[in-house]
Amino acid sequence: MSNQPRVEYPRPQFVRDSWINLNGEWQFEFDDESVGTKQKWHKGEKSFSQTIQVPFAFQSQLSGIGSNEFHDIVWYRRELEIPQSFAGKRILLHFGAVDYLASVWVNGILVATHEGGHTPFHADITEALQAGTNKLVVKAVDFSKDVTLPRGKQYWKADSASIFYTRTTGIWQTVWMEAVSEHAYLDKVKMTPDIDAKQIEISYAIEGIDALSTSKYQLKVAISFKGELVSEDVYGIRSGTGARKIRLNDFNDHGLGGWWTPEKPNLYDVTFTLLVDNEVEDVVGSYFGMRKVSIEDGKLCLNNRPYFLKMVLDQGYFPDGNLTPPSDDAIKQDVELTKAMGFNGARKHQKLEDPRFLYWCDVLGLVVWSEAANAYEYSDKYVGQFTKEWIASMERDYNHPSIIAWVPLNESWGVPNIQIDKLQQQHALTMYHLSKSLDPMRPVISNDGWELVTTDLFAIHDYEWREEVLSERYSSKEKAIHAMPANRRLFVEGFPYQNQPILVTEFGGIAYKKSEWEGWGYSGADNDEDYEQKLRAVIRPLLNSGVVQGYCYTQLTDVEQEINGLLTYDRKPKIPVEIIKAINDRN
């Protein structure tokens, strides 16, 4: 349909040609009395009383419903027509994200269950399909008032307040189908760049390989840069998993060729072709960036050179879509505006963002700190839920060159007693070491803001607005690490500072009302001139510090009741972007 929302390919780092977007109008029903399962709504026979525009949650205006009431059980229903081009193939049904518990039926057959509000899942629905029209039903269960649930900024009370915003329940990222070979297909790849060795390591997992089969399995990997082929090899495959290291002979070791940076976001294209008995079974397109993040002698480095981070806090909320961006153009615009204001990075705050955002950061050049959606309180159940979702988050986004740091915890959310509670300290330590075990090439921040345990970067949140105070506070490492912004110790007792790079990863938050709604910030400005001077007053001390190696300004946009964005909620700059860029550029 012409008005189908979010029509772009939803998984830009793992692309197949044979796919169908399932966004658009679905039947929809609230199930406040929890009768749907008992009445067998999953059979698909019952017509629901409402419609909804997927992938927008019912709380958003773009869903067509726009209700902020509590409805923790919701049902979706639509019909599926399988095109003739999918005949003789396996059919995979994908969900970008469903908050929080999802159950999926096709023609009354349960094909998938999933826990986790931010991570993707899929199901092979081939055996559940029938000739003609098929019935797809989804049940989503949220726990809106559970403060131990990994939720990010979603508020557990009726109306948004303070730093918390409108809830999200149910489907909030793209739903789609793809067709793959009935014999074997590529399930996933993991690409690890090594600029020092001038090589890329590619590990792969393939579904459908029969170790007892006499068939000959091969994987062809073709790598090109700016349209020129630089490597093409075919590998024999003996099992469903394997890895190869590929040397890039075109690679310039002075960074003038193919290295990825925000200033020169060079990307290599790669095509994977799976061959069975010399016949093509699967073709997947992807890309990677050659870049290195390291810490050398207390300095944060990108591609073996010290790199000063100028980031902005980006919460990824939109006035009409809430957590779901209204369009791919809207996602791209946020990245472009961030760069236009002189920032080289974004700290994606309390949200696992749509993969399209990371794609545009890869393509346009913007580094990203990837941060989990945290819970607010600690419990044994929370530990299990959160750990599982964090592992899935890292797996989904490992290949994006734009991501240069992982942030499992923020401001002691989920671990409010970490300063004195050994269990909570061990949880933060576990998340640090777990992240390092899954990805040794990126720094991990154990608890962004304060009360840090073992950590690669010393990340401080400081909303002081007086220039002279900031200048004095960050005039030496000793003063910086013993400051107590928000009256919080920056490290947990027993985990002293160990010469990690120091960054101020939340600051500013200057409220300036340039729209019709009221709101708040951490300090305020009265007019454009006053706003510019106050921006200079908080950014200048960090640029001139000599101790601070990067910052993250709060924040990119106004969000609901917060008016401390550089842009209004509808993405209008409060002062010209050229002025903000000049401030970031020391001009």
Protein backbone atom coordinates (compact mmCIF):
# COMPACT_ATOMS: atom_id res chain seq x y z
CA MET A 1 0.00 0.00 0.00
CA SER A 2 1.25 3.47 -0.81
CA ASN A 3 0.99 4.78 2.75
CA GLN A 4 2.76 1.81 4.35
CA PRO A 5 5.03 3.08 7.15
CA ARG A 6 8.74 2.36 7.52
CA VAL A 7 9.19 0.64 4.15
CA GLU A 8 13.01 0.66 4.14
CA TYR A 9 15.00 -2.56 4.57
CA PRO A 10 15.10 -3.12 8.35
CA ARG A 11 18.42 -4.97 8.70
CA PRO A 12 20.93 -3.06 6.56
CA GLN A 13 23.98 -5.08 7.57
CA PHE A 14 22.53 -8.40 6.45
CA VAL A 15 20.56 -7.86 3.26
CA ARG A 16 18.66 -10.33 1.10
CA ASP A 17 16.67 -9.43 -1.99
CA SER A 18 13.73 -11.72 -1.29
CA TRP A 19 11.70 -10.05 1.47
CA ILE A 20 8.29 -8.53 2.27
CA ASN A 21 7.54 -5.67 4.66
CA LEU A 22 4.57 -6.42 6.95
CA ASN A 23 4.18 -2.95 8.45
CA GLY A 24 0.88 -1.17 8.02
CA GLU A 25 -2.66 -1.73 9.25
CA TRP A 26 -3.26 -4.70 11.56
CA GLN A 27 -6.29 -5.60 13.63
CA PHE A 28 -5.75 -4.83 17.30
CA GLU A 29 -7.32 -5.50 20.69
CA PHE A 30 -6.70 -4.69 24.33
CA ASP A 31 -7.06 -7.67 26.67
CA ASP A 32 -7.31 -6.03 30.09
CA GLU A 33 -9.23 -8.99 31.54
CA SER A 34 -6.72 -11.52 30.16
CA VAL A 35 -9.35 -13.58 28.39
CA GLY A 36 -7.69 -13.85 24.99
CA THR A 37 -5.78 -17.05 25.60
CA LYS A 38 -8.76 -18.79 27.20
CA GLN A 39 -10.97 -17.75 24.31
CA LYS A 40 -8.34 -18.91 21.80
CA TRP A 41 -7.79 -15.59 20.07
CA HIS A 42 -4.52 -17.07 18.81
CA LYS A 43 -6.51 -19.24 16.40
CA GLY A 44 -7.10 -16.13 14.35
CA GLU A 45 -10.87 -16.59 14.01
CA LYS A 46 -11.85 -13.58 16.14
CA SER A 47 -11.93 -10.16 14.49
CA PHE A 48 -10.55 -7.47 16.75
CA SER A 49 -12.40 -4.21 17.38
CA GLN A 50 -9.57 -1.77 16.59
CA THR A 51 -6.87 -1.25 13.99
CA ILE A 52 -3.30 -0.13 14.53
CA GLN A 53 -0.47 1.04 12.30
CA VAL A 54 2.47 -1.31 12.87
CA PRO A 55 5.27 -0.69 13.88
CA PHE A 56 3.98 2.10 16.13
CA ALA A 57 2.98 1.27 19.72
CA PHE A 58 -0.59 2.12 20.71
CA GLN A 59 0.68 4.93 22.97
CA SER A 60 1.95 6.87 19.93
CA GLN A 61 -0.07 9.14 17.68
CA LEU A 62 1.22 7.43 14.54
CA SER A 63 -0.34 4.15 15.67
CA GLY A 64 -3.76 5.66 15.05
CA ILE A 65 -4.73 5.08 18.71
CA GLY A 66 -2.60 7.43 20.83
CA SER A 67 -3.71 6.28 24.28
CA ASN A 68 -1.56 6.65 27.39
CA GLU A 69 -3.77 4.37 29.48
CA PHE A 70 -2.40 1.17 31.00
CA HIS A 71 -3.09 -1.85 28.78
CA ASP A 72 -0.50 -4.51 29.50
CA ILE A 73 -1.90 -7.27 27.28
CA VAL A 74 -2.45 -6.50 23.61
CA TRP A 75 -3.21 -8.64 20.57
CA TYR A 76 -2.47 -8.14 16.87
CA ARG A 77 -3.96 -9.95 13.89
CA ARG A 78 -3.45 -9.81 10.14
CA GLU A 79 -3.62 -12.04 7.09
CA LEU A 80 -0.55 -13.22 5.20
CA GLU A 81 -0.33 -13.93 1.51
CA ILE A 82 2.84 -15.78 0.52
CA PRO A 83 4.01 -14.72 -2.96
CA GLN A 84 4.72 -17.28 -5.65
CA SER A 85 8.38 -16.21 -5.63
CA PHE A 86 8.67 -17.70 -2.11
CA ALA A 87 7.52 -21.16 -3.29
CA GLY A 88 9.87 -24.01 -2.42
CA LYS A 89 11.77 -21.92 0.14
CA ARG A 90 11.93 -21.59 3.92
CA ILE A 91 9.99 -18.56 5.17
CA LEU A 92 11.42 -16.60 8.09
CA LEU A 93 9.22 -14.15 10.01
CA HIS A 94 11.13 -11.32 11.72
CA PHE A 95 10.28 -8.87 14.50
CA GLY A 96 12.60 -5.93 15.13
CA ALA A 97 11.35 -5.44 18.70
CA VAL A 98 8.24 -6.23 20.75
CA ASP A 99 7.92 -4.88 24.29
CA TYR A 100 8.05 -7.00 26.42
CA LEU A 101 6.88 -10.67 26.11
CA ALA A 102 5.79 -11.85 22.68
CA SER A 103 3.96 -14.96 21.48
CA VAL A 104 3.43 -15.50 17.76
CA TRP A 105 1.01 -17.89 16.03
CA VAL A 106 0.54 -18.69 12.35
CA ASN A 107 -2.74 -20.46 11.55
CA GLY A 108 -3.16 -21.23 15.25
CA ILE A 109 0.30 -22.85 15.54
CA LEU A 110 2.72 -21.29 18.03
CA VAL A 111 5.86 -20.44 16.06
CA ALA A 112 7.78 -18.18 18.46
CA THR A 113 7.99 -16.78 21.97
CA HIS A 114 10.41 -14.06 23.00
CA GLU A 115 11.34 -12.12 26.12
CA GLY A 116 13.00 -8.71 25.91
CA GLY A 117 11.59 -5.38 24.83
CA HIS A 118 14.46 -4.16 22.68
CA THR A 119 15.96 -7.14 20.88
CA PRO A 120 14.97 -8.85 17.60
CA PHE A 121 13.74 -12.39 17.07
CA HIS A 122 12.54 -14.53 14.19
CA ALA A 123 10.79 -17.80 13.47
CA ASP A 124 10.81 -20.29 10.63
CA ILE A 125 7.10 -20.43 9.84
CA THR A 126 7.30 -22.71 6.80
CA GLU A 127 5.62 -25.73 8.39
CA ALA A 128 2.76 -23.64 9.79
CA LEU A 129 1.82 -22.13 6.43
CA GLN A 130 -1.07 -23.31 4.26
CA ALA A 131 -2.14 -22.66 0.70
CA GLY A 132 -3.92 -19.36 0.17
CA THR A 133 -4.51 -16.94 3.03
CA ASN A 134 -2.73 -17.40 6.37
CA LYS A 135 -3.56 -15.90 9.75
CA LEU A 136 -0.83 -14.23 11.80
CA VAL A 137 -1.57 -13.42 15.45
CA VAL A 138 0.73 -11.78 17.99
CA LYS A 139 0.17 -11.43 21.73
CA ALA A 140 2.34 -8.94 23.62
CA VAL A 141 2.49 -8.70 27.39
CA ASP A 142 4.08 -5.71 29.08
CA PHE A 143 4.68 -5.07 32.78
CA SER A 144 4.25 -1.33 32.89
CA LYS A 145 4.58 -0.88 36.66
CA ASP A 146 7.45 -3.32 37.27
CA VAL A 147 10.50 -1.20 38.15
CA THR A 148 12.84 -4.20 37.92
CA LEU A 149 12.05 -4.61 34.21
CA PRO A 150 14.64 -3.35 31.69
CA ARG A 151 12.64 -0.37 30.45
CA GLY A 152 14.89 2.63 29.81
CA LYS A 153 12.98 5.91 30.09
CA GLN A 154 9.47 4.41 30.06
CA TYR A 155 7.61 5.67 33.13
CA TRP A 156 5.72 3.28 35.40
CA LYS A 157 3.20 5.96 36.40
CA ALA A 158 0.29 7.29 34.36
CA ASP A 159 1.80 10.55 33.11
CA SER A 160 5.33 11.44 32.10
CA ALA A 161 7.34 13.35 34.70
CA SER A 162 10.89 14.26 35.64
CA ILE A 163 13.29 12.29 33.38
CA PHE A 164 10.74 9.62 32.42
CA TYR A 165 8.54 9.49 29.33
CA THR A 166 5.61 7.75 27.66
CA ARG A 167 5.55 3.95 27.81
CA THR A 168 5.85 1.56 24.85
CA THR A 169 3.84 -1.66 24.72
CA GLY A 170 3.88 -4.26 21.97
CA ILE A 171 5.35 -4.08 18.46
CA TRP A 172 7.54 -1.00 17.95
CA GLN A 173 9.96 -1.99 15.19
CA THR A 174 9.42 -3.38 11.70
CA VAL A 175 7.81 -6.77 11.08
CA TRP A 176 8.89 -8.53 7.89
CA MET A 177 9.36 -11.85 6.10
CA GLU A 178 12.14 -13.22 3.96
CA ALA A 179 12.62 -16.35 1.88
CA VAL A 180 15.74 -18.52 2.20
CA SER A 181 16.88 -21.78 0.68
CA GLU A 182 15.16 -24.94 1.88
CA HIS A 183 18.58 -26.61 2.02
CA ALA A 184 21.02 -24.23 3.74
CA TYR A 185 21.39 -20.53 4.36
CA LEU A 186 23.65 -18.06 6.14
CA ASP A 187 22.35 -17.37 9.65
CA LYS A 188 24.82 -14.76 10.92
CA VAL A 189 28.27 -13.30 10.48
CA LYS A 190 30.61 -11.56 12.90
CA MET A 191 33.23 -9.22 11.46
CA THR A 192 36.24 -8.10 13.51
CA PRO A 193 38.61 -5.55 11.94
CA ASP A 194 42.33 -5.44 12.72
CA ILE A 195 43.94 -2.37 11.20
CA ASP A 196 47.39 -3.28 12.57
CA ALA A 197 47.40 -6.66 10.79
CA LYS A 198 45.51 -5.13 7.82
CA GLN A 199 42.89 -7.85 7.95
CA ILE A 200 39.27 -8.58 8.69
CA GLU A 201 38.24 -11.71 10.58
CA ILE A 202 34.87 -13.08 9.50
CA SER A 203 33.17 -15.78 11.52
CA TYR A 204 29.95 -17.30 10.22
CA ALA A 205 27.09 -19.60 11.17
CA ILE A 206 25.14 -21.52 8.54
CA GLU A 207 21.79 -23.21 9.05
CA GLY A 208 21.01 -26.52 7.37
CA ILE A 209 24.44 -28.03 6.89
CA ASP A 210 24.30 -31.80 7.26
CA ALA A 211 27.70 -33.12 8.37
CA LEU A 212 26.77 -36.57 7.02
CA SER A 213 25.76 -35.26 3.62
CA THR A 214 27.91 -35.91 0.56
CA SER A 215 27.09 -32.42 -0.72
CA LYS A 216 29.91 -29.95 -1.19
CA TYR A 217 29.40 -26.74 0.82
CA GLN A 218 31.34 -23.58 0.00
CA LEU A 219 31.21 -19.93 1.10
CA LYS A 220 32.33 -17.27 -1.35
CA VAL A 221 33.36 -13.94 0.21
CA ALA A 222 33.80 -10.96 -2.11
CA ILE A 223 35.04 -7.68 -0.61
CA SER A 224 35.10 -4.38 -2.48
CA PHE A 225 35.98 -0.78 -1.64
CA LYS A 226 34.42 2.12 -3.53
CA GLY A 227 33.36 -0.27 -6.27
CA GLU A 228 36.74 -1.94 -6.71
CA LEU A 229 37.13 -5.61 -5.83
CA VAL A 230 39.92 -6.07 -3.27
CA SER A 231 39.43 -9.70 -2.20
CA GLU A 232 37.47 -12.70 -3.47
CA ASP A 233 37.86 -16.20 -2.08
CA VAL A 234 35.86 -19.42 -1.88
CA TYR A 235 36.16 -21.59 1.22
CA GLY A 236 35.18 -25.18 1.72
CA ILE A 237 32.84 -25.67 4.69
CA ARG A 238 32.81 -28.74 6.90
CA SER A 239 30.43 -27.61 9.65
CA GLY A 240 27.82 -25.00 10.43
CA THR A 241 30.30 -22.56 11.97
CA GLY A 242 33.73 -21.32 10.99
CA ALA A 243 35.99 -18.29 10.64
CA ARG A 244 38.45 -16.80 8.17
CA LYS A 245 40.98 -13.98 8.38
CA ILE A 246 41.23 -12.03 5.14
CA ARG A 247 44.11 -9.69 4.41
CA LEU A 248 43.15 -6.47 2.67
CA ASN A 249 46.00 -5.85 0.27
CA ASP A 250 44.76 -2.37 -0.67
CA PHE A 251 44.87 -1.26 2.94
CA ASN A 252 46.86 1.92 3.66
CA ASP A 253 48.51 1.72 7.06
CA HIS A 254 48.66 5.50 7.46
CA GLY A 255 44.91 5.87 7.54
CA LEU A 256 44.77 7.68 4.20
CA GLY A 257 43.02 4.80 2.48
CA GLY A 258 40.29 2.69 3.95
CA TRP A 259 40.14 3.46 7.67
CA TRP A 260 36.76 4.42 9.11
CA THR A 261 36.46 7.66 11.10
CA PRO A 262 33.60 10.15 11.57
CA GLU A 263 35.53 12.50 9.30
CA LYS A 264 36.07 9.83 6.62
CA PRO A 265 33.49 7.07 7.10
CA ASN A 266 35.05 4.58 4.68
CA LEU A 267 33.17 1.32 4.34
CA TYR A 268 34.00 -1.97 2.64
CA ASP A 269 31.14 -3.80 0.94
CA VAL A 270 31.02 -7.57 1.27
CA THR A 271 28.88 -10.17 -0.49
CA PHE A 272 28.50 -13.66 0.96
CA THR A 273 27.44 -16.40 -1.45
CA LEU A 274 26.67 -19.87 -0.11
CA LEU A 275 27.21 -22.65 -2.65
CA VAL A 276 25.98 -26.23 -2.38
CA ASP A 277 27.32 -28.54 -5.09
CA ASN A 278 28.30 -25.40 -7.00
CA GLU A 279 24.72 -24.11 -7.00
CA VAL A 280 23.93 -20.76 -5.33
CA GLU A 281 21.79 -21.32 -2.23
CA ASP A 282 22.03 -17.94 -0.51
CA VAL A 283 23.34 -14.43 -1.20
CA VAL A 284 23.71 -11.84 1.58
CA GLY A 285 25.03 -8.30 1.25
CA SER A 286 26.81 -6.53 4.10
CA TYR A 287 29.57 -4.05 4.90
CA PHE A 288 32.21 -3.35 7.52
CA GLY A 289 34.50 -0.55 8.63
CA MET A 290 38.20 -0.84 9.39
CA ARG A 291 38.80 1.01 12.62
CA LYS A 292 40.40 0.45 16.00
CA VAL A 293 39.41 1.77 19.42
CA SER A 294 42.10 1.55 22.08
CA ILE A 295 43.43 3.10 25.25
CA GLU A 296 47.15 3.89 25.14
CA ASP A 297 48.95 5.44 28.13
CA GLY A 298 45.68 6.76 29.51
CA LYS A 299 44.58 8.20 26.16
CA LEU A 300 41.45 7.23 24.24
CA CYS A 301 42.54 6.49 20.68
CA LEU A 302 40.79 5.94 17.38
CA ASN A 303 42.98 4.20 14.82
CA ASN A 304 46.05 4.50 17.09
CA ARG A 305 45.73 8.28 17.48
CA PRO A 306 44.25 10.22 20.45
CA TYR A 307 40.69 11.18 19.60
CA PHE A 308 38.65 13.81 21.43
CA LEU A 309 34.99 12.86 21.62
CA LYS A 310 32.36 15.56 21.17
CA MET A 311 29.13 13.68 21.69
CA VAL A 312 25.52 14.57 22.27
CA LEU A 313 23.03 12.63 24.40
CA ASP A 314 20.38 11.21 22.07
CA GLN A 315 17.31 9.60 23.64
CA GLY A 316 15.71 8.54 20.36
CA TYR A 317 12.19 9.77 21.15
CA PHE A 318 9.90 11.41 18.59
CA PRO A 319 6.76 13.49 19.25
CA ASP A 320 4.52 11.36 17.04
CA GLY A 321 6.20 7.94 17.21
CA ASN A 322 7.64 7.90 20.75
CA LEU A 323 10.38 5.22 20.66
CA THR A 324 9.72 4.49 16.97
CA PRO A 325 11.15 6.98 14.47
CA PRO A 326 8.43 8.03 12.02
CA SER A 327 10.59 7.43 8.94
CA ASP A 328 14.06 6.56 7.74
CA ASP A 329 14.45 10.19 6.71
CA ALA A 330 13.81 11.25 10.30
CA ILE A 331 16.57 8.92 11.50
CA LYS A 332 18.99 10.25 8.90
CA GLN A 333 18.07 13.84 9.77
CA ASP A 334 19.02 13.32 13.43
CA VAL A 335 22.46 12.09 12.40
CA GLU A 336 22.91 14.95 9.94
CA LEU A 337 21.86 17.57 12.50
CA THR A 338 24.21 16.08 15.08
CA LYS A 339 27.14 16.38 12.67
CA ALA A 340 26.08 19.85 11.51
CA MET A 341 26.35 21.09 15.10
CA GLY A 342 29.98 19.97 15.31
CA PHE A 343 29.54 16.73 17.24
CA ASN A 344 31.39 13.60 16.19
CA GLY A 345 29.38 11.16 18.28
CA ALA A 346 26.14 10.29 20.02
CA ARG A 347 25.55 8.54 23.31
CA LYS A 348 22.35 6.65 22.57
CA HIS A 349 20.66 6.91 25.95
CA GLN A 350 18.62 4.16 27.60
CA LYS A 351 17.58 2.60 24.31
CA LEU A 352 18.74 -0.06 21.87
CA GLU A 353 18.15 1.97 18.75
CA ASP A 354 16.69 0.92 15.43
CA PRO A 355 19.44 -0.65 13.25
CA ARG A 356 18.74 2.02 10.65
CA PHE A 357 20.16 4.64 13.02
CA LEU A 358 23.42 2.71 13.30
CA TYR A 359 23.45 2.29 9.52
CA TRP A 360 23.29 6.05 8.98
CA CYS A 361 25.99 6.57 11.63
CA ASP A 362 28.18 4.07 9.77
CA VAL A 363 27.52 5.71 6.39
CA LEU A 364 27.60 9.39 7.38
CA GLY A 365 30.26 9.13 10.09
CA LEU A 366 29.18 9.39 13.72
CA VAL A 367 30.59 7.37 16.61
CA VAL A 368 28.09 5.81 19.01
CA TRP A 369 28.15 4.76 22.63
CA SER A 370 25.61 1.94 22.74
CA GLU A 371 23.75 1.91 26.04
CA ALA A 372 21.29 -0.59 27.47
CA ALA A 373 17.74 0.22 28.48
CA ASN A 374 18.12 -0.22 32.22
CA ALA A 375 15.78 -1.27 34.97
CA TYR A 376 15.34 1.02 37.95
CA GLU A 377 15.56 -1.41 40.89
CA TYR A 378 17.54 -4.58 41.55
CA SER A 379 16.23 -8.15 41.91
CA ASP A 380 17.37 -11.67 41.07
CA LYS A 381 14.79 -11.79 38.28
CA TYR A 382 16.08 -8.52 36.88
CA VAL A 383 19.62 -9.90 36.67
CA GLY A 384 18.48 -12.77 34.47
CA GLN A 385 16.26 -10.64 32.25
CA PHE A 386 18.76 -7.86 31.82
CA THR A 387 21.78 -10.08 31.16
CA LYS A 388 19.95 -12.03 28.46
CA GLU A 389 18.82 -8.87 26.71
CA TRP A 390 22.26 -7.25 26.89
CA ILE A 391 23.91 -10.30 25.28
CA ALA A 392 21.36 -10.17 22.45
CA SER A 393 21.93 -6.43 22.05
CA MET A 394 25.67 -6.84 21.66
CA GLU A 395 25.22 -9.70 19.20
CA ARG A 396 22.83 -7.66 17.05
CA ASP A 397 25.13 -4.65 16.77
CA TYR A 398 28.67 -6.06 16.98
CA ASN A 399 29.46 -5.40 13.30
CA HIS A 400 28.68 -1.66 13.26
CA PRO A 401 31.92 0.34 13.00
CA SER A 402 30.20 3.41 14.44
CA ILE A 403 29.82 1.74 17.85
CA ILE A 404 33.00 2.41 19.82
CA ALA A 405 31.85 1.73 23.41
CA TRP A 406 29.36 -0.38 25.36
CA VAL A 407 27.43 1.03 28.33
CA PRO A 408 25.54 -1.70 30.20
CA LEU A 409 24.66 0.49 33.22
CA ASN A 410 23.92 4.19 33.68
CA GLU A 411 23.84 6.22 36.91
CA SER A 412 23.37 3.13 39.10
CA TRP A 413 20.00 2.33 37.54
CA GLY A 414 19.11 -1.21 38.54
CA VAL A 415 21.90 -1.10 41.13
CA PRO A 416 20.84 1.82 43.37
CA ASN A 417 22.79 0.54 46.39
CA ILE A 418 25.99 -0.33 44.53
CA GLN A 419 28.12 1.75 46.89
CA ILE A 420 27.40 -0.62 49.80
CA ASP A 421 25.72 -3.71 48.32
CA LYS A 422 28.22 -6.41 47.31
CA LEU A 423 25.63 -8.20 45.14
CA GLN A 424 25.05 -5.09 43.07
CA GLN A 425 28.78 -4.49 42.79
CA GLN A 426 29.24 -8.02 41.52
CA HIS A 427 26.45 -7.49 38.99
CA ALA A 428 28.15 -4.38 37.59
CA LEU A 429 31.46 -6.25 37.49
CA THR A 430 29.77 -9.16 35.75
CA MET A 431 28.31 -6.89 33.08
CA TYR A 432 31.74 -5.35 32.51
CA HIS A 433 33.54 -8.69 32.16
CA LEU A 434 30.69 -10.30 30.20
CA SER A 435 30.84 -7.45 27.70
CA LYS A 436 34.62 -7.81 27.41
CA SER A 437 34.25 -11.55 26.84
CA LEU A 438 31.85 -10.93 23.95
CA ASP A 439 33.78 -8.02 22.46
CA PRO A 440 37.42 -7.44 23.42
CA MET A 441 37.87 -4.63 20.88
CA ARG A 442 35.65 -1.93 22.41
CA PRO A 443 35.86 -0.11 25.76
CA VAL A 444 33.17 -0.88 28.34
CA ILE A 445 31.88 1.62 30.91
CA SER A 446 30.71 -0.23 34.01
CA ASN A 447 28.32 2.44 35.33
CA ASP A 448 28.24 5.64 33.31
CA GLY A 449 28.06 8.75 35.48
CA TRP A 450 29.27 7.78 38.94
CA GLU A 451 29.88 4.89 41.37
CA LEU A 452 32.12 3.12 38.86
CA VAL A 453 33.65 -0.27 39.50
CA THR A 454 36.17 -1.77 37.04
CA THR A 455 35.84 0.32 33.90
CA ASP A 456 37.76 1.19 30.74
CA LEU A 457 36.66 4.84 30.68
CA PHE A 458 36.06 7.15 33.64
CA ALA A 459 32.70 8.65 32.69
CA ILE A 460 31.39 11.55 34.81
CA HIS A 461 27.97 13.24 34.82
CA ASP A 462 28.18 16.87 35.92
CA TYR A 463 25.44 19.46 35.43
CA GLU A 464 27.36 22.34 36.97
CA TRP A 465 26.68 25.46 34.89
CA ARG A 466 29.20 27.97 36.25
CA GLU A 467 32.23 28.22 33.97
CA GLU A 468 34.69 29.04 36.73
CA VAL A 469 33.63 26.01 38.79
CA LEU A 470 33.97 23.65 35.81
CA SER A 471 37.33 25.12 34.88
CA GLU A 472 38.69 24.55 38.38
CA ARG A 473 37.12 21.11 38.77
CA TYR A 474 38.70 19.75 35.57
CA SER A 475 42.08 21.45 35.89
CA SER A 476 43.72 18.23 37.13
CA LYS A 477 43.00 14.52 37.28
CA GLU A 478 43.12 14.60 41.07
CA LYS A 479 40.43 17.27 41.28
CA ALA A 480 38.30 15.61 38.61
CA ILE A 481 38.20 12.13 40.13
CA HIS A 482 37.42 13.40 43.64
CA ALA A 483 34.64 15.75 42.57
CA MET A 484 31.16 14.76 43.70
CA PRO A 485 28.63 16.02 41.13
CA ALA A 486 25.07 15.25 42.23
CA ASN A 487 26.66 14.47 45.62
CA ARG A 488 27.76 11.05 44.35
CA ARG A 489 31.16 9.44 44.67
CA LEU A 490 32.59 8.74 41.25
CA PHE A 491 33.93 5.30 42.15
CA VAL A 492 32.89 2.54 44.52
CA GLU A 493 35.17 2.01 47.48
CA GLY A 494 37.74 -0.63 46.58
CA PHE A 495 37.75 0.33 42.88
CA PRO A 496 40.05 3.35 42.71
CA TYR A 497 40.85 5.41 39.64
CA GLN A 498 43.53 3.68 37.54
CA ASN A 499 44.51 6.27 34.95
CA GLN A 500 41.51 5.64 32.71
CA PRO A 501 40.65 8.38 30.21
CA ILE A 502 38.35 10.93 31.86
CA LEU A 503 35.24 12.04 29.98
CA VAL A 504 32.28 14.17 31.07
CA THR A 505 29.48 12.12 29.55
CA GLU A 506 26.51 14.18 30.71
CA PHE A 507 26.58 17.94 31.22
CA GLY A 508 24.81 21.07 30.13
CA GLY A 509 21.09 20.37 30.00
CA ILE A 510 20.32 24.07 29.59
CA ALA A 511 16.57 24.68 29.39
CA TYR A 512 15.47 27.11 26.71
CA LYS A 513 11.80 27.35 25.77
CA LYS A 514 11.41 27.69 22.00
CA SER A 515 8.13 25.82 21.59
CA GLU A 516 4.61 25.97 22.91
CA TRP A 517 5.03 23.54 25.78
CA GLU A 518 6.47 24.11 29.23
CA GLY A 519 9.33 22.06 30.61
CA TRP A 520 12.50 21.96 32.63
CA GLY A 521 16.28 21.67 32.40
CA TYR A 522 19.28 21.64 34.73
CA SER A 523 19.83 25.38 34.24
CA GLY A 524 18.07 27.97 32.10
CA ALA A 525 18.44 30.66 29.44
CA ASP A 526 16.23 33.67 28.69
CA ASN A 527 17.01 34.49 25.05
CA ASP A 528 19.18 33.43 22.10
CA GLU A 529 22.20 35.45 23.22
CA ASP A 530 21.94 34.19 26.78
CA TYR A 531 21.58 30.61 25.52
CA GLU A 532 24.70 30.90 23.35
CA GLN A 533 26.75 32.33 26.21
CA LYS A 534 25.63 29.58 28.59
CA LEU A 535 26.50 26.90 26.02
CA ARG A 536 29.96 28.41 25.73
CA ALA A 537 30.29 28.55 29.50
CA VAL A 538 29.79 24.78 29.93
CA ILE A 539 31.60 23.55 26.79
CA ARG A 540 34.66 25.82 26.90
CA PRO A 541 36.07 24.48 30.22
CA LEU A 542 35.96 20.90 28.93
CA LEU A 543 37.63 21.79 25.63
CA ASN A 544 40.36 23.69 27.48
CA SER A 545 40.80 21.25 30.36
CA GLY A 546 43.70 19.16 29.11
CA VAL A 547 42.42 16.44 31.45
CA VAL A 548 39.03 15.75 29.89
CA GLN A 549 39.25 13.62 26.73
CA GLY A 550 35.69 14.00 25.58
CA TYR A 551 32.21 15.11 26.49
CA CYS A 552 28.55 14.38 25.86
CA TYR A 553 26.18 17.34 25.93
CA THR A 554 22.64 16.85 27.26
CA GLN A 555 20.85 16.74 24.92
CA LEU A 556 20.02 16.55 21.20
CA THR A 557 16.31 17.39 21.39
CA ASP A 558 13.63 18.40 23.82
CA VAL A 559 11.72 15.31 24.96
CA GLU A 560 8.18 15.62 26.26
CA GLN A 561 8.47 17.65 29.49
CA GLU A 562 12.21 18.29 29.09
CA ILE A 563 13.16 21.44 27.18
CA ASN A 564 16.94 21.10 27.52
CA GLY A 565 17.59 20.06 23.91
CA LEU A 566 19.68 21.87 21.34
CA LEU A 567 16.73 21.20 19.05
CA THR A 568 13.02 21.38 19.83
CA TYR A 569 11.12 18.10 19.99
CA ASP A 570 10.18 18.54 16.32
CA ARG A 571 13.87 18.99 15.43
CA LYS A 572 14.09 22.77 14.95
CA PRO A 573 17.44 24.28 16.08
CA LYS A 574 17.03 26.71 18.98
CA ILE A 575 19.90 28.80 17.65
CA PRO A 576 21.66 28.40 14.29
CA VAL A 577 23.55 25.11 14.02
CA GLU A 578 26.56 27.07 12.73
CA ILE A 579 26.87 28.79 16.11
CA ILE A 580 26.77 25.49 18.00
CA LYS A 581 29.37 24.06 15.61
CA ALA A 582 31.60 27.07 16.21
CA ILE A 583 31.36 26.50 19.97
CA ASN A 584 32.34 22.85 19.56
CA ASP A 585 35.19 23.93 17.27
CA ARG A 586 36.55 26.41 19.87
CA ASN A 587 35.48 29.39 17.73
